[in-house]
């Protein structure tokens, strides 16, 4: 009787990179802030200080603050990617 066996494969290479900047490097590079809050409805916000980009996204009445924080992180990552693509063209 034949048995289908799949051997586990592990990839320990990180899919991200962490860069720790000193204060002087912060003032020269891209600086982004993000926030999720719940006041008069739930909102996610993104602010790109060095590029002058502001976003405020309404998530409705029933979203949780955690969901707003996650959405703000995703929106911030998207904006950084978009800004990088616009700079390279």
PDB file of N, CA and C in Angstrom:
ATOM      1  N   UNK A   1       0.847  -1.175   0.000  1.00  0.00           N
ATOM      2  CA  UNK A   1       0.000   0.000   0.000  1.00  0.00           C
ATOM      3  C   UNK A   1       0.896   1.243   0.000  1.00  0.00           C
ATOM      4  N   UNK A   2       0.675   2.153  -0.941  1.00  0.00           N
ATOM      5  CA  UNK A   2       1.489   3.365  -1.074  1.00  0.00           C
ATOM      6  C   UNK A   2       1.001   4.428  -0.087  1.00  0.00           C
ATOM      7  N   UNK A   3       1.953   5.132   0.465  1.00  0.00           N
ATOM      8  CA  UNK A   3       1.642   6.189   1.421  1.00  0.00           C
ATOM      9  C   UNK A   3       2.231   7.494   0.896  1.00  0.00           C
ATOM     10  N   UNK A   4       1.419   8.511   0.889  1.00  0.00           N
ATOM     11  CA  UNK A   4       1.904   9.839   0.506  1.00  0.00           C
ATOM     12  C   UNK A   4       2.494  10.513   1.735  1.00  0.00           C
ATOM     13  N   UNK A   5       3.761  10.834   1.649  1.00  0.00           N
ATOM     14  CA  UNK A   5       4.431  11.473   2.769  1.00  0.00           C
ATOM     15  C   UNK A   5       5.048  12.782   2.268  1.00  0.00           C
ATOM     16  N   UNK A   6       4.828  13.817   3.014  1.00  0.00           N
ATOM     17  CA  UNK A   6       5.432  15.098   2.673  1.00  0.00           C
ATOM     18  C   UNK A   6       6.420  15.456   3.777  1.00  0.00           C
ATOM     19  N   UNK A   7       7.658  15.601   3.397  1.00  0.00           N
ATOM     20  CA  UNK A   7       8.680  15.942   4.377  1.00  0.00           C
ATOM     21  C   UNK A   7       8.601  17.436   4.698  1.00  0.00           C
ATOM     22  N   UNK A   8       8.709  17.754   5.974  1.00  0.00           N
ATOM     23  CA  UNK A   8       8.659  19.180   6.324  1.00  0.00           C
ATOM     24  C   UNK A   8       9.887  19.923   5.817  1.00  0.00           C
ATOM     25  N   UNK A   9       9.676  21.124   5.352  1.00  0.00           N
ATOM     26  CA  UNK A   9      10.768  21.990   4.900  1.00  0.00           C
ATOM     27  C   UNK A   9      10.682  23.276   5.714  1.00  0.00           C
ATOM     28  N   UNK A  10      11.803  23.675   6.286  1.00  0.00           N
ATOM     29  CA  UNK A  10      11.839  24.860   7.121  1.00  0.00           C
ATOM     30  C   UNK A  10      12.683  25.934   6.453  1.00  0.00           C
ATOM     31  N   UNK A  11      12.184  27.139   6.475  1.00  0.00           N
ATOM     32  CA  UNK A  11      12.918  28.279   5.950  1.00  0.00           C
ATOM     33  C   UNK A  11      13.037  29.299   7.081  1.00  0.00           C
ATOM     34  N   UNK A  12      14.231  29.446   7.614  1.00  0.00           N
ATOM     35  CA  UNK A  12      14.445  30.334   8.742  1.00  0.00           C
ATOM     36  C   UNK A  12      14.950  31.710   8.330  1.00  0.00           C
ATOM     37  N   UNK A  13      14.950  31.987   7.045  1.00  0.00           N
ATOM     38  CA  UNK A  13      15.359  33.304   6.561  1.00  0.00           C
ATOM     39  C   UNK A  13      14.254  34.308   6.889  1.00  0.00           C
ATOM     40  N   UNK A  14      14.580  35.417   7.531  1.00  0.00           N
ATOM     41  CA  UNK A  14      13.531  36.401   7.835  1.00  0.00           C
ATOM     42  C   UNK A  14      13.042  37.095   6.569  1.00  0.00           C
ATOM     43  N   UNK A  15      11.771  37.398   6.537  1.00  0.00           N
ATOM     44  CA  UNK A  15      11.176  38.085   5.394  1.00  0.00           C
ATOM     45  C   UNK A  15      11.097  39.587   5.642  1.00  0.00           C
ATOM     46  N   UNK A  16      11.799  40.052   6.639  1.00  0.00           N
ATOM     47  CA  UNK A  16      11.801  41.465   6.970  1.00  0.00           C
ATOM     48  C   UNK A  16      13.179  41.872   7.466  1.00  0.00           C
ATOM     49  N   UNK A  17      13.386  43.158   7.565  1.00  0.00           N
ATOM     50  CA  UNK A  17      14.652  43.684   8.061  1.00  0.00           C
ATOM     51  C   UNK A  17      14.339  44.801   9.049  1.00  0.00           C
ATOM     52  N   UNK A  18      15.022  44.805  10.160  1.00  0.00           N
ATOM     53  CA  UNK A  18      14.840  45.839  11.168  1.00  0.00           C
ATOM     54  C   UNK A  18      16.054  46.759  11.120  1.00  0.00           C
ATOM     55  N   UNK A  19      15.798  48.037  11.002  1.00  0.00           N
ATOM     56  CA  UNK A  19      16.870  49.019  10.967  1.00  0.00           C
ATOM     57  C   UNK A  19      16.672  49.980  12.124  1.00  0.00           C
ATOM     58  N   UNK A  20      17.667  50.089  12.969  1.00  0.00           N
ATOM     59  CA  UNK A  20      17.611  51.020  14.091  1.00  0.00           C
ATOM     60  C   UNK A  20      18.371  52.282  13.692  1.00  0.00           C
ATOM     61  N   UNK A  21      17.684  53.399  13.697  1.00  0.00           N
ATOM     62  CA  UNK A  21      18.280  54.661  13.287  1.00  0.00           C
ATOM     63  C   UNK A  21      18.634  55.512  14.503  1.00  0.00           C
ATOM     64  N   UNK A  22      19.659  56.328  14.353  1.00  0.00           N
ATOM     65  CA  UNK A  22      19.960  57.310  15.376  1.00  0.00           C
ATOM     66  C   UNK A  22      19.179  58.588  15.068  1.00  0.00           C
ATOM     67  N   UNK A  23      19.083  59.485  16.006  1.00  0.00           N
ATOM     68  CA  UNK A  23      18.250  60.684  15.863  1.00  0.00           C
ATOM     69  C   UNK A  23      18.576  61.490  14.612  1.00  0.00           C
ATOM     70  N   UNK A  24      19.848  61.640  14.295  1.00  0.00           N
ATOM     71  CA  UNK A  24      20.236  62.432  13.125  1.00  0.00           C
ATOM     72  C   UNK A  24      19.746  61.795  11.833  1.00  0.00           C
ATOM     73  N   UNK A  25      19.724  60.474  11.776  1.00  0.00           N
ATOM     74  CA  UNK A  25      19.244  59.786  10.576  1.00  0.00           C
ATOM     75  C   UNK A  25      17.732  59.936  10.424  1.00  0.00           C
ATOM     76  N   UNK A  26      17.019  60.076  11.521  1.00  0.00           N
ATOM     77  CA  UNK A  26      15.571  60.253  11.454  1.00  0.00           C
ATOM     78  C   UNK A  26      15.210  61.532  10.717  1.00  0.00           C
ATOM     79  N   UNK A  27      15.961  62.588  10.945  1.00  0.00           N
ATOM     80  CA  UNK A  27      15.611  63.876  10.347  1.00  0.00           C
ATOM     81  C   UNK A  27      15.895  63.914   8.852  1.00  0.00           C
ATOM     82  N   UNK A  28      16.744  63.019   8.368  1.00  0.00           N
ATOM     83  CA  UNK A  28      17.072  62.998   6.939  1.00  0.00           C
ATOM     84  C   UNK A  28      16.214  62.024   6.160  1.00  0.00           C
ATOM     85  N   UNK A  29      15.637  61.029   6.799  1.00  0.00           N
ATOM     86  CA  UNK A  29      14.928  59.976   6.088  1.00  0.00           C
ATOM     87  C   UNK A  29      13.420  60.164   6.082  1.00  0.00           C
ATOM     88  N   UNK A  30      12.731  59.103   5.703  1.00  0.00           N
ATOM     89  CA  UNK A  30      11.279  59.099   5.692  1.00  0.00           C
ATOM     90  C   UNK A  30      10.778  58.821   7.097  1.00  0.00           C
ATOM     91  N   UNK A  31       9.861  59.632   7.570  1.00  0.00           N
ATOM     92  CA  UNK A  31       9.290  59.444   8.892  1.00  0.00           C
ATOM     93  C   UNK A  31       7.783  59.286   8.733  1.00  0.00           C
ATOM     94  N   UNK A  32       7.261  58.179   9.226  1.00  0.00           N
ATOM     95  CA  UNK A  32       5.838  57.874   9.123  1.00  0.00           C
ATOM     96  C   UNK A  32       5.287  57.564  10.508  1.00  0.00           C
ATOM     97  N   UNK A  33       4.081  58.029  10.759  1.00  0.00           N
ATOM     98  CA  UNK A  33       3.368  57.720  11.992  1.00  0.00           C
ATOM     99  C   UNK A  33       2.042  57.086  11.618  1.00  0.00           C
ATOM    100  N   UNK A  34       1.533  56.225  12.487  1.00  0.00           N
ATOM    101  CA  UNK A  34       0.230  55.630  12.249  1.00  0.00           C
ATOM    102  C   UNK A  34      -0.488  55.494  13.585  1.00  0.00           C
ATOM    103  N   UNK A  35      -1.827  55.487  13.540  1.00  0.00           N
ATOM    104  CA  UNK A  35      -2.602  55.388  14.757  1.00  0.00           C
ATOM    105  C   UNK A  35      -3.985  54.869  14.441  1.00  0.00           C
ATOM    106  N   UNK A  36      -4.530  54.137  15.391  1.00  0.00           N
ATOM    107  CA  UNK A  36      -5.919  53.712  15.330  1.00  0.00           C
ATOM    108  C   UNK A  36      -6.593  54.185  16.596  1.00  0.00           C
ATOM    109  N   UNK A  37      -7.794  54.741  16.487  1.00  0.00           N
ATOM    110  CA  UNK A  37      -8.468  55.243  17.676  1.00  0.00           C
ATOM    111  C   UNK A  37      -9.975  55.093  17.524  1.00  0.00           C
ATOM    112  N   UNK A  38     -10.634  55.264  18.654  1.00  0.00           N
ATOM    113  CA  UNK A  38     -12.089  55.150  18.656  1.00  0.00           C
ATOM    114  C   UNK A  38     -12.681  56.360  19.372  1.00  0.00           C
ATOM    115  N   UNK A  39     -13.011  57.358  18.618  1.00  0.00           N
ATOM    116  CA  UNK A  39     -13.700  58.547  19.131  1.00  0.00           C
ATOM    117  C   UNK A  39     -14.706  58.940  18.067  1.00  0.00           C
ATOM    118  N   UNK A  40     -15.978  58.893  18.406  1.00  0.00           N
ATOM    119  CA  UNK A  40     -17.035  59.180  17.434  1.00  0.00           C
ATOM    120  C   UNK A  40     -16.884  58.274  16.212  1.00  0.00           C
ATOM    121  N   UNK A  41     -16.764  56.998  16.427  1.00  0.00           N
ATOM    122  CA  UNK A  41     -16.507  56.026  15.365  1.00  0.00           C
ATOM    123  C   UNK A  41     -15.040  55.638  15.389  1.00  0.00           C
ATOM    124  N   UNK A  42     -14.729  54.565  14.754  1.00  0.00           N
ATOM    125  CA  UNK A  42     -13.359  54.071  14.754  1.00  0.00           C
ATOM    126  C   UNK A  42     -12.636  54.583  13.525  1.00  0.00           C
ATOM    127  N   UNK A  43     -11.402  55.063  13.714  1.00  0.00           N
ATOM    128  CA  UNK A  43     -10.626  55.636  12.624  1.00  0.00           C
ATOM    129  C   UNK A  43      -9.207  55.095  12.652  1.00  0.00           C
ATOM    130  N   UNK A  44      -8.606  55.038  11.471  1.00  0.00           N
ATOM    131  CA  UNK A  44      -7.184  54.714  11.319  1.00  0.00           C
ATOM    132  C   UNK A  44      -6.539  55.919  10.653  1.00  0.00           C
ATOM    133  N   UNK A  45      -5.361  56.279  11.131  1.00  0.00           N
ATOM    134  CA  UNK A  45      -4.682  57.439  10.575  1.00  0.00           C
ATOM    135  C   UNK A  45      -3.247  57.135  10.220  1.00  0.00           C
ATOM    136  N   UNK A  46      -2.758  57.770   9.167  1.00  0.00           N
ATOM    137  CA  UNK A  46      -1.372  57.622   8.712  1.00  0.00           C
ATOM    138  C   UNK A  46      -0.858  59.025   8.390  1.00  0.00           C
ATOM    139  N   UNK A  47       0.372  59.308   8.818  1.00  0.00           N
ATOM    140  CA  UNK A  47       0.977  60.610   8.546  1.00  0.00           C
ATOM    141  C   UNK A  47       2.419  60.411   8.121  1.00  0.00           C
ATOM    142  N   UNK A  48       2.754  60.855   6.920  1.00  0.00           N
ATOM    143  CA  UNK A  48       4.127  60.818   6.423  1.00  0.00           C
ATOM    144  C   UNK A  48       4.729  62.202   6.577  1.00  0.00           C
ATOM    145  N   UNK A  49       5.523  62.390   7.626  1.00  0.00           N
ATOM    146  CA  UNK A  49       6.053  63.714   7.948  1.00  0.00           C
ATOM    147  C   UNK A  49       6.940  64.266   6.842  1.00  0.00           C
ATOM    148  N   UNK A  50       7.842  63.450   6.331  1.00  0.00           N
ATOM    149  CA  UNK A  50       8.809  63.952   5.359  1.00  0.00           C
ATOM    150  C   UNK A  50       8.203  64.164   3.971  1.00  0.00           C
ATOM    151  N   UNK A  51       7.073  63.541   3.684  1.00  0.00           N
ATOM    152  CA  UNK A  51       6.455  63.704   2.367  1.00  0.00           C
ATOM    153  C   UNK A  51       5.153  64.499   2.439  1.00  0.00           C
ATOM    154  N   UNK A  52       4.738  64.891   3.642  1.00  0.00           N
ATOM    155  CA  UNK A  52       3.531  65.692   3.802  1.00  0.00           C
ATOM    156  C   UNK A  52       2.260  64.964   3.436  1.00  0.00           C
ATOM    157  N   UNK A  53       2.190  63.675   3.725  1.00  0.00           N
ATOM    158  CA  UNK A  53       1.020  62.858   3.365  1.00  0.00           C
ATOM    159  C   UNK A  53       0.199  62.549   4.612  1.00  0.00           C
ATOM    160  N   UNK A  54      -1.100  62.855   4.583  1.00  0.00           N
ATOM    161  CA  UNK A  54      -2.003  62.576   5.702  1.00  0.00           C
ATOM    162  C   UNK A  54      -3.172  61.752   5.207  1.00  0.00           C
ATOM    163  N   UNK A  55      -3.515  60.720   5.954  1.00  0.00           N
ATOM    164  CA  UNK A  55      -4.690  59.913   5.649  1.00  0.00           C
ATOM    165  C   UNK A  55      -5.496  59.730   6.922  1.00  0.00           C
ATOM    166  N   UNK A  56      -6.786  59.831   6.829  1.00  0.00           N
ATOM    167  CA  UNK A  56      -7.683  59.512   7.929  1.00  0.00           C
ATOM    168  C   UNK A  56      -8.775  58.638   7.354  1.00  0.00           C
ATOM    169  N   UNK A  57      -8.869  57.406   7.841  1.00  0.00           N
ATOM    170  CA  UNK A  57      -9.773  56.425   7.252  1.00  0.00           C
ATOM    171  C   UNK A  57     -10.812  56.029   8.287  1.00  0.00           C
ATOM    172  N   UNK A  58     -12.076  56.217   7.960  1.00  0.00           N
ATOM    173  CA  UNK A  58     -13.157  55.832   8.858  1.00  0.00           C
ATOM    174  C   UNK A  58     -13.431  54.335   8.697  1.00  0.00           C
ATOM    175  N   UNK A  59     -13.510  53.631   9.821  1.00  0.00           N
ATOM    176  CA  UNK A  59     -13.794  52.194   9.786  1.00  0.00           C
ATOM    177  C   UNK A  59     -15.184  51.882  10.322  1.00  0.00           C
ATOM    178  N   UNK A  60     -15.997  52.888  10.495  1.00  0.00           N
ATOM    179  CA  UNK A  60     -17.363  52.674  10.939  1.00  0.00           C
ATOM    180  C   UNK A  60     -17.500  52.638  12.448  1.00  0.00           C
ATOM    181  N   UNK A  61     -18.686  52.309  12.889  1.00  0.00           N
ATOM    182  CA  UNK A  61     -19.010  52.360  14.300  1.00  0.00           C
ATOM    183  C   UNK A  61     -18.611  51.089  15.050  1.00  0.00           C
ATOM    184  N   UNK A  62     -18.537  49.961  14.377  1.00  0.00           N
ATOM    185  CA  UNK A  62     -18.404  48.687  15.076  1.00  0.00           C
ATOM    186  C   UNK A  62     -16.995  48.101  15.077  1.00  0.00           C
ATOM    187  N   UNK A  63     -16.064  48.722  14.417  1.00  0.00           N
ATOM    188  CA  UNK A  63     -14.681  48.212  14.409  1.00  0.00           C
ATOM    189  C   UNK A  63     -14.031  48.461  15.772  1.00  0.00           C
ATOM    190  N   UNK A  64     -13.162  47.566  16.168  1.00  0.00           N
ATOM    191  CA  UNK A  64     -12.433  47.684  17.433  1.00  0.00           C
ATOM    192  C   UNK A  64     -11.161  48.503  17.224  1.00  0.00           C
ATOM    193  N   UNK A  65     -10.595  48.999  18.314  1.00  0.00           N
ATOM    194  CA  UNK A  65      -9.359  49.774  18.237  1.00  0.00           C
ATOM    195  C   UNK A  65      -8.228  48.911  17.678  1.00  0.00           C
ATOM    196  N   UNK A  66      -8.172  47.638  18.074  1.00  0.00           N
ATOM    197  CA  UNK A  66      -7.137  46.737  17.550  1.00  0.00           C
ATOM    198  C   UNK A  66      -7.230  46.637  16.032  1.00  0.00           C
ATOM    199  N   UNK A  67      -8.444  46.524  15.501  1.00  0.00           N
ATOM    200  CA  UNK A  67      -8.631  46.462  14.052  1.00  0.00           C
ATOM    201  C   UNK A  67      -8.170  47.765  13.390  1.00  0.00           C
ATOM    202  N   UNK A  68      -8.424  48.882  14.051  1.00  0.00           N
ATOM    203  CA  UNK A  68      -7.988  50.167  13.512  1.00  0.00           C
ATOM    204  C   UNK A  68      -6.464  50.262  13.507  1.00  0.00           C
ATOM    205  N   UNK A  69      -5.816  49.763  14.564  1.00  0.00           N
ATOM    206  CA  UNK A  69      -4.349  49.772  14.620  1.00  0.00           C
ATOM    207  C   UNK A  69      -3.761  48.925  13.494  1.00  0.00           C
ATOM    208  N   UNK A  70      -4.295  47.742  13.297  1.00  0.00           N
ATOM    209  CA  UNK A  70      -3.804  46.851  12.233  1.00  0.00           C
ATOM    210  C   UNK A  70      -4.032  47.485  10.865  1.00  0.00           C
ATOM    211  N   UNK A  71      -5.205  48.073  10.662  1.00  0.00           N
ATOM    212  CA  UNK A  71      -5.494  48.728   9.386  1.00  0.00           C
ATOM    213  C   UNK A  71      -4.548  49.895   9.151  1.00  0.00           C
ATOM    214  N   UNK A  72      -4.232  50.641  10.208  1.00  0.00           N
ATOM    215  CA  UNK A  72      -3.307  51.771  10.079  1.00  0.00           C
ATOM    216  C   UNK A  72      -1.912  51.287   9.707  1.00  0.00           C
ATOM    217  N   UNK A  73      -1.467  50.171  10.281  1.00  0.00           N
ATOM    218  CA  UNK A  73      -0.160  49.603   9.937  1.00  0.00           C
ATOM    219  C   UNK A  73      -0.138  49.197   8.467  1.00  0.00           C
ATOM    220  N   UNK A  74      -1.191  48.527   8.019  1.00  0.00           N
ATOM    221  CA  UNK A  74      -1.258  48.105   6.616  1.00  0.00           C
ATOM    222  C   UNK A  74      -1.306  49.308   5.677  1.00  0.00           C
ATOM    223  N   UNK A  75      -2.091  50.328   6.029  1.00  0.00           N
ATOM    224  CA  UNK A  75      -2.181  51.527   5.191  1.00  0.00           C
ATOM    225  C   UNK A  75      -0.842  52.253   5.143  1.00  0.00           C
ATOM    226  N   UNK A  76      -0.143  52.282   6.268  1.00  0.00           N
ATOM    227  CA  UNK A  76       1.167  52.929   6.309  1.00  0.00           C
ATOM    228  C   UNK A  76       2.164  52.180   5.426  1.00  0.00           C
ATOM    229  N   UNK A  77       2.169  50.860   5.519  1.00  0.00           N
ATOM    230  CA  UNK A  77       3.065  50.059   4.680  1.00  0.00           C
ATOM    231  C   UNK A  77       2.751  50.267   3.204  1.00  0.00           C
ATOM    232  N   UNK A  78       1.465  50.333   2.857  1.00  0.00           N
ATOM    233  CA  UNK A  78       1.064  50.561   1.474  1.00  0.00           C
ATOM    234  C   UNK A  78       1.548  51.931   0.988  1.00  0.00           C
ATOM    235  N   UNK A  79       1.379  52.963   1.815  1.00  0.00           N
ATOM    236  CA  UNK A  79       1.813  54.306   1.431  1.00  0.00           C
ATOM    237  C   UNK A  79       3.325  54.371   1.234  1.00  0.00           C
ATOM    238  N   UNK A  80       4.077  53.698   2.094  1.00  0.00           N
ATOM    239  CA  UNK A  80       5.537  53.680   1.956  1.00  0.00           C
ATOM    240  C   UNK A  80       5.932  52.985   0.662  1.00  0.00           C
ATOM    241  N   UNK A  81       5.279  51.871   0.348  1.00  0.00           N
ATOM    242  CA  UNK A  81       5.539  51.169  -0.917  1.00  0.00           C
ATOM    243  C   UNK A  81       5.203  52.059  -2.107  1.00  0.00           C
ATOM    244  N   UNK A  82       4.060  52.704  -2.045  1.00  0.00           N
ATOM    245  CA  UNK A  82       3.619  53.575  -3.132  1.00  0.00           C
ATOM    246  C   UNK A  82       4.591  54.734  -3.317  1.00  0.00           C
ATOM    247  N   UNK A  83       5.036  55.331  -2.221  1.00  0.00           N
ATOM    248  CA  UNK A  83       5.994  56.428  -2.291  1.00  0.00           C
ATOM    249  C   UNK A  83       7.313  55.953  -2.897  1.00  0.00           C
ATOM    250  N   UNK A  84       7.758  54.761  -2.532  1.00  0.00           N
ATOM    251  CA  UNK A  84       9.001  54.204  -3.089  1.00  0.00           C
ATOM    252  C   UNK A  84       8.899  53.969  -4.584  1.00  0.00           C
ATOM    253  N   UNK A  85       7.747  53.504  -5.043  1.00  0.00           N
ATOM    254  CA  UNK A  85       7.541  53.279  -6.479  1.00  0.00           C
ATOM    255  C   UNK A  85       7.506  54.584  -7.240  1.00  0.00           C
ATOM    256  N   UNK A  86       6.888  55.618  -6.671  1.00  0.00           N
ATOM    257  CA  UNK A  86       6.812  56.915  -7.344  1.00  0.00           C
ATOM    258  C   UNK A  86       8.187  57.563  -7.430  1.00  0.00           C
ATOM    259  N   UNK A  87       9.015  57.370  -6.400  1.00  0.00           N
ATOM    260  CA  UNK A  87      10.358  57.945  -6.402  1.00  0.00           C
ATOM    261  C   UNK A  87      11.251  57.287  -7.427  1.00  0.00           C
ATOM    262  N   UNK A  88      11.063  55.979  -7.667  1.00  0.00           N
ATOM    263  CA  UNK A  88      11.953  55.246  -8.568  1.00  0.00           C
ATOM    264  C   UNK A  88      11.623  55.475 -10.042  1.00  0.00           C
ATOM    265  N   UNK A  89      10.444  56.006 -10.351  1.00  0.00           N
ATOM    266  CA  UNK A  89      10.094  56.226 -11.768  1.00  0.00           C
ATOM    267  C   UNK A  89      10.396  57.619 -12.218  1.00  0.00           C
TER     268      UNK A  89
END
